[in-house]
Amino acid sequence: MSAPESTSGTGAIVGAIIVVIILVVGGLYFWGKQLSTDTDTTDPQLEALQNTSASDEVADIEADISTTELDNLDAELGDIEAELNF
């Protein structure tokens, strides 16, 4: 008669590790997908700055300058400074 084989739990451990790895990779994928959809929102001020004329005529340059809103520039810088100073 042969001795009964003793089974070690290595198969179950390897299987559990593979399942955990798949769950982590899936979670990272969905988290990255969520981050990419959050950054797709557009900023109206950025769009206005990007829609300037390519013309070098004085009238077109003056029109671009008049439509550029720089009134809130200091407020943005103040917000950044407040965040950095905690």
Protein backbone atom coordinates (compact mmCIF):
# COMPACT_ATOMS: atom_id res chain seq x y z
CA MET A 1 0.00 0.00 0.00
CA SER A 2 1.15 3.46 -0.72
CA ALA A 3 1.06 6.32 1.74
CA PRO A 4 -1.80 8.80 1.28
CA GLU A 5 -0.78 11.95 -0.51
CA SER A 6 -0.77 15.04 1.62
CA THR A 7 -2.15 18.02 -0.18
CA SER A 8 -0.70 21.38 0.55
CA GLY A 9 -2.70 24.57 0.10
CA THR A 10 -0.42 26.04 -2.51
CA GLY A 11 -3.00 25.71 -5.29
CA ALA A 12 -5.61 27.56 -3.28
CA ILE A 13 -3.13 30.26 -2.28
CA VAL A 14 -2.00 30.79 -5.87
CA GLY A 15 -5.62 30.96 -7.02
CA ALA A 16 -6.47 33.51 -4.33
CA ILE A 17 -3.47 35.65 -5.28
CA ILE A 18 -4.52 35.59 -8.95
CA VAL A 19 -8.07 36.65 -8.01
CA VAL A 20 -6.75 39.52 -5.87
CA ILE A 21 -4.47 40.69 -8.68
CA ILE A 22 -7.37 40.65 -11.16
CA LEU A 23 -9.53 42.66 -8.75
CA VAL A 24 -6.79 45.24 -8.18
CA VAL A 25 -6.13 45.65 -11.91
CA GLY A 26 -9.87 45.99 -12.59
CA GLY A 27 -10.22 48.59 -9.84
CA LEU A 28 -7.30 50.60 -11.20
CA TYR A 29 -8.80 50.45 -14.68
CA PHE A 30 -12.16 51.81 -13.56
CA TRP A 31 -10.52 54.44 -11.35
CA GLY A 32 -8.41 55.64 -14.29
CA LYS A 33 -11.50 55.69 -16.49
CA GLN A 34 -13.30 57.86 -13.91
CA LEU A 35 -10.34 60.27 -13.74
CA SER A 36 -10.24 60.64 -17.51
CA THR A 37 -13.95 61.48 -17.69
CA ASP A 38 -13.56 64.05 -14.90
CA THR A 39 -10.88 65.95 -16.82
CA ASP A 40 -13.01 66.11 -20.00
CA THR A 41 -15.01 69.04 -18.65
CA THR A 42 -14.16 72.29 -20.39
CA ASP A 43 -13.39 75.64 -18.86
CA PRO A 44 -15.28 78.50 -20.54
CA GLN A 45 -12.43 80.96 -19.96
CA LEU A 46 -9.95 78.56 -21.55
CA GLU A 47 -12.21 78.10 -24.56
CA ALA A 48 -12.52 81.87 -24.95
CA LEU A 49 -8.74 82.25 -24.92
CA GLN A 50 -8.30 79.47 -27.48
CA ASN A 51 -10.84 81.02 -29.86
CA THR A 52 -8.74 84.04 -30.71
CA SER A 53 -8.24 85.19 -34.25
CA ALA A 54 -5.16 84.17 -36.22
CA SER A 55 -5.17 87.49 -38.05
CA ASP A 56 -2.44 90.08 -37.48
CA GLU A 57 -4.68 93.02 -38.34
CA VAL A 58 -4.90 95.70 -35.66
CA ALA A 59 -8.71 95.58 -35.55
CA ASP A 60 -8.69 91.81 -35.00
CA ILE A 61 -6.06 92.07 -32.27
CA GLU A 62 -8.06 94.78 -30.51
CA ALA A 63 -11.19 92.63 -30.75
CA ASP A 64 -9.34 89.69 -29.17
CA ILE A 65 -8.02 91.91 -26.38
CA SER A 66 -11.46 93.32 -25.64
CA THR A 67 -13.02 89.85 -25.40
CA THR A 68 -10.27 88.53 -23.10
CA GLU A 69 -11.46 88.75 -19.50
CA LEU A 70 -8.61 89.32 -17.07
CA ASP A 71 -10.67 90.75 -14.20
CA ASN A 72 -10.63 87.56 -12.12
CA LEU A 73 -6.94 86.82 -12.62
CA ASP A 74 -5.98 88.14 -9.19
CA ALA A 75 -8.73 86.09 -7.53
CA GLU A 76 -7.34 82.90 -9.04
CA LEU A 77 -3.83 83.75 -7.86
CA GLY A 78 -5.19 84.51 -4.39
CA ASP A 79 -6.89 81.10 -4.29
CA ILE A 80 -3.64 79.39 -5.28
CA GLU A 81 -1.69 81.29 -2.63
CA ALA A 82 -4.29 80.39 0.03
CA GLU A 83 -4.01 76.70 -0.89
CA LEU A 84 -0.22 76.76 -0.71
CA ASN A 85 -0.18 78.51 2.67
CA PHE A 86 -2.73 76.07 4.20
